[in-house]
Amino acid sequence: MKNLSFTVWMIVLLLQSCKKENYVEWIKTNENDTKATFSKGRLVSSEVFDKSAKLDSKYIYHNGTVVKIYKYYPNQKVSSYSYLHKAPNHFTSTIYFNNGKIASEGEVDFYKGKNLYLKRGPWIFYSKTGEPYAVYTFTHDNKNQYIKGETLFDTIKKKIIRDVIFDPPVLAEKETKEVVHLFNPK
């Protein structure tokens, strides 16, 4: 019996010593390739590459929870940066124009399994020259994002030109696209 327990103990010790501590694992799908980096057997970061091998996004983990998210433009400049504000999925985010200036900033809920980012609370939107032109207040139902309030600024006269509260809130996509196009025509 002593030999059996000694043998079991030795097998467990051997298995523990064979455990990978620091390693990289590649996960390939039809849409992208992901490089997962592990330290002491735990996932610490993952980088997602598109099919042309350009970095699309990077996730930093702490104890299994995403704590930082970077998204990239095709030219590899950062398009957005988010950091964990309150676990498990409440982030503070900054979105950038391709020229590096801030496009918008606020809070977001990130649902990793659905790859869904939903804005919440007030968000400030900036023109390409860096001036704030709008503040939107968002809410969501874990699927869709809605606008509860909208404040628009005249950046030349430096005054508020529209201040609206939506009751009930309106779907965000249509309303923000119209205003963003108005202040950032192509």
N, C-alpha and C. Protein backbone atom coordinates (compact mmCIF):
# COMPACT_ATOMS: atom_id res chain seq x y z
N MET A 1 0.82 -1.19 0.00
CA MET A 1 0.00 0.00 0.00
C MET A 1 0.87 1.26 0.00
N LYS A 2 2.01 1.21 0.76
CA LYS A 2 2.91 2.36 0.80
C LYS A 2 3.50 2.61 -0.58
N ASN A 3 3.81 1.51 -1.30
CA ASN A 3 4.36 1.67 -2.64
C ASN A 3 3.35 2.29 -3.60
N LEU A 4 2.07 1.94 -3.46
CA LEU A 4 1.03 2.49 -4.32
C LEU A 4 0.86 3.98 -4.07
N SER A 5 0.80 4.40 -2.82
CA SER A 5 0.64 5.84 -2.53
C SER A 5 1.89 6.60 -2.97
N PHE A 6 3.08 5.99 -2.79
CA PHE A 6 4.31 6.63 -3.23
C PHE A 6 4.30 6.78 -4.76
N THR A 7 3.84 5.73 -5.47
CA THR A 7 3.77 5.76 -6.93
C THR A 7 2.79 6.84 -7.40
N VAL A 8 1.62 6.92 -6.79
CA VAL A 8 0.62 7.94 -7.14
C VAL A 8 1.20 9.33 -6.89
N TRP A 9 1.87 9.51 -5.76
CA TRP A 9 2.46 10.81 -5.43
C TRP A 9 3.54 11.18 -6.46
N MET A 10 4.33 10.23 -6.88
CA MET A 10 5.37 10.48 -7.88
C MET A 10 4.75 10.83 -9.24
N ILE A 11 3.66 10.16 -9.60
CA ILE A 11 2.99 10.47 -10.87
C ILE A 11 2.44 11.90 -10.84
N VAL A 12 1.82 12.27 -9.74
CA VAL A 12 1.29 13.64 -9.60
C VAL A 12 2.42 14.65 -9.69
N LEU A 13 3.51 14.38 -9.00
CA LEU A 13 4.67 15.28 -9.05
C LEU A 13 5.24 15.37 -10.46
N LEU A 14 5.32 14.27 -11.14
CA LEU A 14 5.81 14.26 -12.51
C LEU A 14 4.89 15.05 -13.43
N LEU A 15 3.58 14.86 -13.30
CA LEU A 15 2.63 15.60 -14.13
C LEU A 15 2.72 17.10 -13.86
N GLN A 16 2.89 17.49 -12.62
CA GLN A 16 3.02 18.91 -12.29
C GLN A 16 4.29 19.50 -12.90
N SER A 17 5.35 18.75 -12.90
CA SER A 17 6.61 19.27 -13.44
C SER A 17 6.55 19.36 -14.97
N CYS A 18 5.67 18.57 -15.60
CA CYS A 18 5.54 18.61 -17.06
C CYS A 18 4.57 19.70 -17.51
N LYS A 19 3.85 20.31 -16.59
CA LYS A 19 2.87 21.34 -16.93
C LYS A 19 3.55 22.52 -17.60
N LYS A 20 2.97 22.97 -18.70
CA LYS A 20 3.51 24.13 -19.40
C LYS A 20 3.32 25.37 -18.53
N GLU A 21 4.35 26.14 -18.37
CA GLU A 21 4.26 27.37 -17.59
C GLU A 21 4.05 28.58 -18.49
N ASN A 22 4.98 28.82 -19.40
CA ASN A 22 4.91 29.97 -20.29
C ASN A 22 4.92 29.44 -21.73
N TYR A 23 3.86 29.79 -22.46
CA TYR A 23 3.78 29.30 -23.83
C TYR A 23 2.81 30.15 -24.64
N VAL A 24 2.86 29.95 -25.95
CA VAL A 24 1.98 30.65 -26.90
C VAL A 24 1.20 29.59 -27.66
N GLU A 25 -0.07 29.86 -27.86
CA GLU A 25 -0.94 28.94 -28.58
C GLU A 25 -1.62 29.71 -29.72
N TRP A 26 -1.66 29.14 -30.91
CA TRP A 26 -2.33 29.77 -32.05
C TRP A 26 -3.67 29.09 -32.29
N ILE A 27 -4.72 29.90 -32.45
CA ILE A 27 -6.06 29.39 -32.74
C ILE A 27 -6.45 29.97 -34.10
N LYS A 28 -6.67 29.10 -35.07
CA LYS A 28 -6.96 29.55 -36.43
C LYS A 28 -8.41 29.22 -36.78
N THR A 29 -9.11 30.22 -37.34
CA THR A 29 -10.49 30.04 -37.81
C THR A 29 -10.57 30.57 -39.24
N ASN A 30 -11.74 30.47 -39.84
CA ASN A 30 -11.92 31.00 -41.19
C ASN A 30 -11.83 32.52 -41.22
N GLU A 31 -12.22 33.19 -40.13
CA GLU A 31 -12.25 34.65 -40.10
C GLU A 31 -10.93 35.28 -39.65
N ASN A 32 -10.24 34.64 -38.70
CA ASN A 32 -9.03 35.26 -38.15
C ASN A 32 -8.14 34.22 -37.47
N ASP A 33 -6.97 34.69 -37.06
CA ASP A 33 -6.04 33.88 -36.29
C ASP A 33 -5.80 34.58 -34.95
N THR A 34 -5.76 33.81 -33.89
CA THR A 34 -5.56 34.38 -32.56
C THR A 34 -4.31 33.79 -31.93
N LYS A 35 -3.48 34.67 -31.42
CA LYS A 35 -2.27 34.27 -30.69
C LYS A 35 -2.57 34.46 -29.20
N ALA A 36 -2.65 33.36 -28.47
CA ALA A 36 -2.92 33.40 -27.03
C ALA A 36 -1.61 33.18 -26.28
N THR A 37 -1.28 34.09 -25.38
CA THR A 37 -0.04 34.01 -24.61
C THR A 37 -0.37 33.65 -23.17
N PHE A 38 0.33 32.63 -22.66
CA PHE A 38 0.10 32.14 -21.30
C PHE A 38 1.35 32.35 -20.46
N SER A 39 1.16 32.71 -19.22
CA SER A 39 2.25 32.83 -18.26
C SER A 39 1.84 32.09 -16.99
N LYS A 40 2.71 31.24 -16.53
CA LYS A 40 2.41 30.39 -15.37
C LYS A 40 1.10 29.64 -15.57
N GLY A 41 0.87 29.23 -16.83
CA GLY A 41 -0.30 28.43 -17.14
C GLY A 41 -1.59 29.22 -17.29
N ARG A 42 -1.55 30.55 -17.15
CA ARG A 42 -2.75 31.38 -17.24
C ARG A 42 -2.69 32.28 -18.47
N LEU A 43 -3.84 32.49 -19.09
CA LEU A 43 -3.93 33.38 -20.24
C LEU A 43 -3.67 34.82 -19.78
N VAL A 44 -2.69 35.49 -20.41
CA VAL A 44 -2.36 36.87 -20.04
C VAL A 44 -2.66 37.85 -21.18
N SER A 45 -2.66 37.36 -22.43
CA SER A 45 -3.01 38.24 -23.54
C SER A 45 -3.42 37.41 -24.74
N SER A 46 -4.20 38.05 -25.61
CA SER A 46 -4.53 37.43 -26.88
C SER A 46 -4.54 38.52 -27.94
N GLU A 47 -4.01 38.17 -29.10
CA GLU A 47 -3.95 39.10 -30.23
C GLU A 47 -4.70 38.45 -31.38
N VAL A 48 -5.61 39.21 -31.98
CA VAL A 48 -6.42 38.71 -33.08
C VAL A 48 -5.91 39.35 -34.37
N PHE A 49 -5.60 38.51 -35.34
CA PHE A 49 -5.08 38.96 -36.63
C PHE A 49 -6.10 38.65 -37.71
N ASP A 50 -6.29 39.59 -38.66
CA ASP A 50 -7.20 39.32 -39.76
C ASP A 50 -6.50 38.39 -40.76
N LYS A 51 -7.20 38.03 -41.82
CA LYS A 51 -6.66 37.07 -42.78
C LYS A 51 -5.44 37.60 -43.55
N SER A 52 -5.23 38.92 -43.55
CA SER A 52 -4.02 39.46 -44.19
C SER A 52 -2.89 39.59 -43.17
N ALA A 53 -3.04 38.96 -42.01
CA ALA A 53 -2.04 38.90 -40.94
C ALA A 53 -1.80 40.26 -40.27
N LYS A 54 -2.76 41.19 -40.36
CA LYS A 54 -2.66 42.47 -39.67
C LYS A 54 -3.36 42.37 -38.33
N LEU A 55 -2.75 42.99 -37.33
CA LEU A 55 -3.32 42.98 -35.98
C LEU A 55 -4.65 43.72 -35.97
N ASP A 56 -5.70 43.05 -35.54
CA ASP A 56 -7.04 43.63 -35.47
C ASP A 56 -7.36 44.11 -34.05
N SER A 57 -7.00 43.30 -33.06
CA SER A 57 -7.30 43.65 -31.67
C SER A 57 -6.38 42.89 -30.72
N LYS A 58 -6.27 43.44 -29.51
CA LYS A 58 -5.45 42.81 -28.48
C LYS A 58 -6.20 42.90 -27.16
N TYR A 59 -6.19 41.80 -26.40
CA TYR A 59 -6.86 41.71 -25.11
C TYR A 59 -5.82 41.37 -24.05
N ILE A 60 -5.86 42.09 -22.94
CA ILE A 60 -4.98 41.81 -21.80
C ILE A 60 -5.86 41.26 -20.68
N TYR A 61 -5.40 40.17 -20.05
CA TYR A 61 -6.18 39.49 -19.01
C TYR A 61 -5.48 39.56 -17.66
N HIS A 62 -6.28 39.54 -16.60
CA HIS A 62 -5.76 39.39 -15.25
C HIS A 62 -6.69 38.42 -14.53
N ASN A 63 -6.15 37.30 -14.08
CA ASN A 63 -6.94 36.26 -13.41
C ASN A 63 -8.16 35.84 -14.23
N GLY A 64 -7.97 35.71 -15.54
CA GLY A 64 -9.03 35.23 -16.41
C GLY A 64 -10.04 36.27 -16.87
N THR A 65 -9.88 37.52 -16.45
CA THR A 65 -10.80 38.59 -16.82
C THR A 65 -10.12 39.57 -17.76
N VAL A 66 -10.82 39.97 -18.82
CA VAL A 66 -10.28 40.99 -19.74
C VAL A 66 -10.20 42.31 -18.98
N VAL A 67 -8.99 42.91 -18.95
CA VAL A 67 -8.82 44.19 -18.24
C VAL A 67 -8.47 45.34 -19.18
N LYS A 68 -7.96 45.04 -20.38
CA LYS A 68 -7.65 46.07 -21.38
C LYS A 68 -7.96 45.51 -22.76
N ILE A 69 -8.48 46.41 -23.62
CA ILE A 69 -8.79 46.03 -25.00
C ILE A 69 -8.24 47.11 -25.92
N TYR A 70 -7.49 46.69 -26.92
CA TYR A 70 -7.00 47.60 -27.95
C TYR A 70 -7.57 47.13 -29.28
N LYS A 71 -8.12 48.05 -30.07
CA LYS A 71 -8.56 47.77 -31.43
C LYS A 71 -7.69 48.60 -32.36
N TYR A 72 -7.42 48.07 -33.57
CA TYR A 72 -6.49 48.72 -34.49
C TYR A 72 -7.11 48.98 -35.85
N TYR A 73 -6.68 50.09 -36.47
CA TYR A 73 -7.00 50.36 -37.86
C TYR A 73 -6.11 49.45 -38.73
N PRO A 74 -6.46 49.27 -40.01
CA PRO A 74 -5.60 48.45 -40.89
C PRO A 74 -4.15 48.97 -40.97
N ASN A 75 -3.93 50.28 -40.75
CA ASN A 75 -2.57 50.82 -40.78
C ASN A 75 -1.84 50.62 -39.44
N GLN A 76 -2.48 49.88 -38.52
CA GLN A 76 -1.93 49.48 -37.22
C GLN A 76 -1.93 50.60 -36.17
N LYS A 77 -2.57 51.73 -36.46
CA LYS A 77 -2.77 52.76 -35.44
C LYS A 77 -3.92 52.31 -34.56
N VAL A 78 -3.89 52.71 -33.29
CA VAL A 78 -4.94 52.33 -32.35
C VAL A 78 -6.24 53.04 -32.73
N SER A 79 -7.32 52.27 -32.90
CA SER A 79 -8.63 52.86 -33.19
C SER A 79 -9.45 53.02 -31.91
N SER A 80 -9.17 52.18 -30.89
CA SER A 80 -9.84 52.36 -29.61
C SER A 80 -9.04 51.67 -28.50
N TYR A 81 -9.23 52.20 -27.31
CA TYR A 81 -8.59 51.63 -26.13
C TYR A 81 -9.64 51.61 -25.02
N SER A 82 -9.77 50.48 -24.36
CA SER A 82 -10.73 50.33 -23.27
C SER A 82 -10.03 49.67 -22.09
N TYR A 83 -10.39 50.11 -20.89
CA TYR A 83 -9.86 49.45 -19.70
C TYR A 83 -11.01 49.15 -18.75
N LEU A 84 -10.84 48.07 -18.00
CA LEU A 84 -11.88 47.61 -17.09
C LEU A 84 -12.12 48.63 -15.99
N HIS A 85 -13.34 49.09 -15.91
CA HIS A 85 -13.73 50.08 -14.90
C HIS A 85 -14.32 49.36 -13.69
N LYS A 86 -15.17 48.36 -13.97
CA LYS A 86 -15.79 47.57 -12.91
C LYS A 86 -16.06 46.17 -13.47
N ALA A 87 -15.51 45.16 -12.80
CA ALA A 87 -15.67 43.78 -13.26
C ALA A 87 -17.15 43.39 -13.22
N PRO A 88 -17.60 42.54 -14.11
CA PRO A 88 -16.79 41.78 -15.05
C PRO A 88 -16.69 42.41 -16.44
N ASN A 89 -17.58 43.37 -16.80
CA ASN A 89 -17.60 43.80 -18.21
C ASN A 89 -17.81 45.30 -18.42
N HIS A 90 -17.66 46.11 -17.40
CA HIS A 90 -17.90 47.56 -17.51
C HIS A 90 -16.57 48.27 -17.76
N PHE A 91 -16.42 48.86 -18.95
CA PHE A 91 -15.16 49.47 -19.38
C PHE A 91 -15.30 50.96 -19.61
N THR A 92 -14.20 51.69 -19.48
CA THR A 92 -14.09 53.07 -19.92
C THR A 92 -13.34 53.02 -21.24
N SER A 93 -13.87 53.69 -22.28
CA SER A 93 -13.32 53.56 -23.62
C SER A 93 -13.03 54.92 -24.25
N THR A 94 -12.00 54.92 -25.09
CA THR A 94 -11.66 56.07 -25.92
C THR A 94 -11.53 55.56 -27.35
N ILE A 95 -12.24 56.21 -28.27
CA ILE A 95 -12.19 55.86 -29.68
C ILE A 95 -11.44 56.97 -30.41
N TYR A 96 -10.55 56.58 -31.33
CA TYR A 96 -9.69 57.55 -32.01
C TYR A 96 -9.98 57.61 -33.50
N PHE A 97 -9.79 58.81 -34.07
CA PHE A 97 -9.76 58.95 -35.53
C PHE A 97 -8.44 58.36 -36.00
N ASN A 98 -8.34 58.12 -37.29
CA ASN A 98 -7.11 57.58 -37.86
C ASN A 98 -5.93 58.55 -37.69
N ASN A 99 -6.22 59.85 -37.50
CA ASN A 99 -5.15 60.83 -37.31
C ASN A 99 -4.63 60.87 -35.86
N GLY A 100 -5.20 60.00 -34.98
CA GLY A 100 -4.74 59.92 -33.60
C GLY A 100 -5.53 60.78 -32.62
N LYS A 101 -6.37 61.69 -33.12
CA LYS A 101 -7.18 62.52 -32.23
C LYS A 101 -8.36 61.72 -31.70
N ILE A 102 -8.86 62.12 -30.54
CA ILE A 102 -9.99 61.42 -29.92
C ILE A 102 -11.27 61.71 -30.71
N ALA A 103 -12.01 60.65 -31.05
CA ALA A 103 -13.30 60.77 -31.74
C ALA A 103 -14.44 60.78 -30.74
N SER A 104 -14.33 59.93 -29.71
CA SER A 104 -15.37 59.88 -28.67
C SER A 104 -14.82 59.15 -27.45
N GLU A 105 -15.47 59.38 -26.32
CA GLU A 105 -15.05 58.70 -25.09
C GLU A 105 -16.23 58.58 -24.14
N GLY A 106 -16.23 57.47 -23.38
CA GLY A 106 -17.30 57.21 -22.43
C GLY A 106 -17.16 55.80 -21.88
N GLU A 107 -18.28 55.26 -21.40
CA GLU A 107 -18.28 53.93 -20.81
C GLU A 107 -19.02 52.96 -21.70
N VAL A 108 -18.62 51.69 -21.61
CA VAL A 108 -19.19 50.65 -22.46
C VAL A 108 -19.26 49.35 -21.67
N ASP A 109 -20.26 48.54 -21.98
CA ASP A 109 -20.32 47.17 -21.48
C ASP A 109 -19.88 46.26 -22.62
N PHE A 110 -18.93 45.38 -22.33
CA PHE A 110 -18.36 44.49 -23.33
C PHE A 110 -18.79 43.07 -23.01
N TYR A 111 -19.45 42.43 -23.99
CA TYR A 111 -19.88 41.05 -23.86
C TYR A 111 -19.00 40.23 -24.80
N LYS A 112 -17.93 39.64 -24.24
CA LYS A 112 -16.90 38.97 -25.04
C LYS A 112 -17.46 37.83 -25.89
N GLY A 113 -18.32 37.01 -25.32
CA GLY A 113 -18.87 35.88 -26.06
C GLY A 113 -19.63 36.30 -27.30
N LYS A 114 -20.25 37.46 -27.25
CA LYS A 114 -21.02 37.99 -28.38
C LYS A 114 -20.23 39.02 -29.18
N ASN A 115 -19.01 39.36 -28.70
CA ASN A 115 -18.19 40.42 -29.28
C ASN A 115 -19.03 41.68 -29.46
N LEU A 116 -19.73 42.06 -28.39
CA LEU A 116 -20.69 43.15 -28.42
C LEU A 116 -20.25 44.25 -27.46
N TYR A 117 -20.16 45.48 -27.99
CA TYR A 117 -19.83 46.66 -27.19
C TYR A 117 -21.06 47.55 -27.17
N LEU A 118 -21.60 47.81 -25.98
CA LEU A 118 -22.78 48.66 -25.87
C LEU A 118 -22.46 49.85 -24.97
N LYS A 119 -22.65 51.06 -25.53
CA LYS A 119 -22.37 52.28 -24.78
C LYS A 119 -23.39 52.43 -23.65
N ARG A 120 -22.91 53.08 -22.57
CA ARG A 120 -23.79 53.37 -21.42
C ARG A 120 -23.38 54.71 -20.84
N GLY A 121 -24.34 55.43 -20.31
CA GLY A 121 -24.04 56.72 -19.69
C GLY A 121 -23.65 57.77 -20.72
N PRO A 122 -23.08 58.90 -20.26
CA PRO A 122 -22.73 59.98 -21.19
C PRO A 122 -21.47 59.67 -22.01
N TRP A 123 -21.51 60.04 -23.28
CA TRP A 123 -20.39 59.92 -24.21
C TRP A 123 -20.15 61.27 -24.85
N ILE A 124 -18.90 61.69 -24.93
CA ILE A 124 -18.54 62.94 -25.58
C ILE A 124 -18.02 62.61 -26.97
N PHE A 125 -18.52 63.33 -27.99
CA PHE A 125 -18.08 63.15 -29.37
C PHE A 125 -17.32 64.39 -29.81
N TYR A 126 -16.22 64.16 -30.55
CA TYR A 126 -15.33 65.24 -30.98
C TYR A 126 -15.27 65.31 -32.51
N SER A 127 -15.03 66.52 -33.04
CA SER A 127 -14.81 66.68 -34.47
C SER A 127 -13.38 66.23 -34.78
N LYS A 128 -13.06 66.12 -36.06
CA LYS A 128 -11.71 65.70 -36.46
C LYS A 128 -10.65 66.72 -36.06
N THR A 129 -11.09 67.95 -35.74
CA THR A 129 -10.14 68.97 -35.28
C THR A 129 -9.95 68.91 -33.77
N GLY A 130 -10.71 68.06 -33.09
CA GLY A 130 -10.52 67.88 -31.66
C GLY A 130 -11.50 68.63 -30.78
N GLU A 131 -12.49 69.30 -31.37
CA GLU A 131 -13.46 70.04 -30.56
C GLU A 131 -14.68 69.18 -30.24
N PRO A 132 -15.17 69.22 -28.99
CA PRO A 132 -16.38 68.46 -28.67
C PRO A 132 -17.58 69.11 -29.36
N TYR A 133 -18.43 68.28 -29.99
CA TYR A 133 -19.61 68.82 -30.66
C TYR A 133 -20.90 68.20 -30.14
N ALA A 134 -20.82 67.11 -29.36
CA ALA A 134 -22.04 66.48 -28.87
C ALA A 134 -21.77 65.65 -27.63
N VAL A 135 -22.80 65.56 -26.80
CA VAL A 135 -22.80 64.62 -25.68
C VAL A 135 -24.09 63.83 -25.80
N TYR A 136 -23.93 62.51 -25.86
CA TYR A 136 -25.08 61.61 -25.88
C TYR A 136 -25.08 60.81 -24.60
N THR A 137 -26.27 60.54 -24.10
CA THR A 137 -26.42 59.66 -22.94
C THR A 137 -27.08 58.38 -23.43
N PHE A 138 -26.39 57.25 -23.18
CA PHE A 138 -26.84 55.96 -23.70
C PHE A 138 -27.34 55.04 -22.59
N THR A 139 -28.16 54.11 -23.00
CA THR A 139 -28.58 52.98 -22.18
C THR A 139 -28.67 51.78 -23.12
N HIS A 140 -28.78 50.59 -22.57
CA HIS A 140 -28.93 49.40 -23.43
C HIS A 140 -29.69 48.31 -22.70
N ASP A 141 -30.11 47.32 -23.48
CA ASP A 141 -30.85 46.18 -22.92
C ASP A 141 -30.07 44.88 -23.09
N ASN A 142 -28.73 44.97 -23.14
CA ASN A 142 -27.81 43.85 -23.36
C ASN A 142 -27.82 43.33 -24.80
N LYS A 143 -28.62 43.95 -25.67
CA LYS A 143 -28.65 43.57 -27.09
C LYS A 143 -28.56 44.81 -27.97
N ASN A 144 -29.36 45.83 -27.65
CA ASN A 144 -29.44 47.05 -28.44
C ASN A 144 -29.05 48.25 -27.59
N GLN A 145 -28.54 49.26 -28.26
CA GLN A 145 -28.09 50.48 -27.60
C GLN A 145 -29.10 51.59 -27.93
N TYR A 146 -29.46 52.38 -26.92
CA TYR A 146 -30.46 53.43 -27.08
C TYR A 146 -29.89 54.77 -26.59
N ILE A 147 -30.43 55.86 -27.17
CA ILE A 147 -30.05 57.20 -26.72
C ILE A 147 -31.15 57.72 -25.80
N LYS A 148 -30.73 58.16 -24.61
CA LYS A 148 -31.66 58.77 -23.65
C LYS A 148 -31.62 60.29 -23.74
N GLY A 149 -30.47 60.84 -24.11
CA GLY A 149 -30.34 62.29 -24.19
C GLY A 149 -29.33 62.70 -25.23
N GLU A 150 -29.50 63.92 -25.76
CA GLU A 150 -28.62 64.42 -26.81
C GLU A 150 -28.41 65.92 -26.59
N THR A 151 -27.14 66.33 -26.54
CA THR A 151 -26.79 67.75 -26.46
C THR A 151 -25.80 68.03 -27.59
N LEU A 152 -26.15 68.97 -28.47
CA LEU A 152 -25.29 69.33 -29.59
C LEU A 152 -24.76 70.74 -29.39
N PHE A 153 -23.48 70.94 -29.74
CA PHE A 153 -22.83 72.25 -29.58
C PHE A 153 -22.54 72.87 -30.94
N ASP A 154 -22.67 74.18 -31.01
CA ASP A 154 -22.18 74.94 -32.16
C ASP A 154 -20.73 75.27 -31.82
N THR A 155 -19.80 74.64 -32.53
CA THR A 155 -18.38 74.80 -32.18
C THR A 155 -17.83 76.16 -32.59
N ILE A 156 -18.52 76.88 -33.46
CA ILE A 156 -18.06 78.21 -33.86
C ILE A 156 -18.57 79.27 -32.88
N LYS A 157 -19.88 79.22 -32.60
CA LYS A 157 -20.47 80.22 -31.68
C LYS A 157 -20.32 79.81 -30.22
N LYS A 158 -19.83 78.58 -29.99
CA LYS A 158 -19.61 78.07 -28.63
C LYS A 158 -20.88 78.11 -27.78
N LYS A 159 -21.96 77.56 -28.35
CA LYS A 159 -23.20 77.49 -27.58
C LYS A 159 -23.95 76.21 -27.91
N ILE A 160 -24.87 75.84 -27.04
CA ILE A 160 -25.69 74.65 -27.24
C ILE A 160 -26.76 74.97 -28.27
N ILE A 161 -26.88 74.09 -29.28
CA ILE A 161 -27.90 74.31 -30.31
C ILE A 161 -29.05 73.30 -30.21
N ARG A 162 -28.86 72.24 -29.46
CA ARG A 162 -29.92 71.25 -29.27
C ARG A 162 -29.68 70.52 -27.97
N ASP A 163 -30.71 70.40 -27.16
CA ASP A 163 -30.62 69.67 -25.90
C ASP A 163 -31.94 68.92 -25.73
N VAL A 164 -31.91 67.60 -25.95
CA VAL A 164 -33.13 66.80 -25.99
C VAL A 164 -33.01 65.60 -25.07
N ILE A 165 -34.12 65.27 -24.41
CA ILE A 165 -34.22 64.02 -23.65
C ILE A 165 -35.27 63.17 -24.36
N PHE A 166 -34.90 61.93 -24.69
CA PHE A 166 -35.81 61.04 -25.39
C PHE A 166 -36.51 60.14 -24.38
N ASP A 167 -37.85 60.20 -24.39
CA ASP A 167 -38.65 59.37 -23.50
C ASP A 167 -39.81 58.80 -24.30
N PRO A 168 -39.73 57.56 -24.72
CA PRO A 168 -38.74 56.55 -24.39
C PRO A 168 -37.45 56.76 -25.19
N PRO A 169 -36.36 56.12 -24.75
CA PRO A 169 -35.10 56.21 -25.49
C PRO A 169 -35.25 55.69 -26.92
N VAL A 170 -34.42 56.22 -27.84
CA VAL A 170 -34.49 55.82 -29.25
C VAL A 170 -33.28 54.96 -29.60
N LEU A 171 -33.46 54.10 -30.61
CA LEU A 171 -32.34 53.28 -31.07
C LEU A 171 -31.20 54.19 -31.51
N ALA A 172 -30.01 53.91 -31.07
CA ALA A 172 -28.88 54.81 -31.25
C ALA A 172 -28.37 54.88 -32.67
N GLU A 173 -28.38 53.79 -33.41
CA GLU A 173 -27.72 53.74 -34.71
C GLU A 173 -28.17 54.85 -35.65
N LYS A 174 -29.46 55.01 -35.84
CA LYS A 174 -29.97 55.99 -36.80
C LYS A 174 -29.65 57.42 -36.35
N GLU A 175 -29.92 57.75 -35.11
CA GLU A 175 -29.74 59.11 -34.62
C GLU A 175 -28.28 59.55 -34.66
N THR A 176 -27.35 58.73 -34.14
CA THR A 176 -25.95 59.15 -34.09
C THR A 176 -25.33 59.21 -35.48
N LYS A 177 -25.72 58.33 -36.40
CA LYS A 177 -25.16 58.37 -37.76
C LYS A 177 -25.50 59.69 -38.43
N GLU A 178 -26.74 60.19 -38.26
CA GLU A 178 -27.14 61.45 -38.87
C GLU A 178 -26.34 62.62 -38.31
N VAL A 179 -26.14 62.66 -37.00
CA VAL A 179 -25.43 63.78 -36.37
C VAL A 179 -23.94 63.69 -36.66
N VAL A 180 -23.34 62.50 -36.59
CA VAL A 180 -21.92 62.35 -36.88
C VAL A 180 -21.64 62.78 -38.32
N HIS A 181 -22.52 62.41 -39.25
CA HIS A 181 -22.33 62.83 -40.65
C HIS A 181 -22.43 64.35 -40.78
N LEU A 182 -23.32 64.96 -40.04
CA LEU A 182 -23.49 66.41 -40.07
C LEU A 182 -22.20 67.12 -39.63
N PHE A 183 -21.54 66.63 -38.60
CA PHE A 183 -20.35 67.30 -38.06
C PHE A 183 -19.03 66.79 -38.64
N ASN A 184 -19.05 65.64 -39.29
CA ASN A 184 -17.84 65.07 -39.89
C ASN A 184 -18.10 64.63 -41.32
N PRO A 185 -18.48 65.54 -42.21
CA PRO A 185 -18.76 65.13 -43.59
C PRO A 185 -17.48 64.62 -44.25
N LYS A 186 -17.63 63.71 -45.20
CA LYS A 186 -16.46 63.14 -45.87
C LYS A 186 -16.03 63.98 -47.05
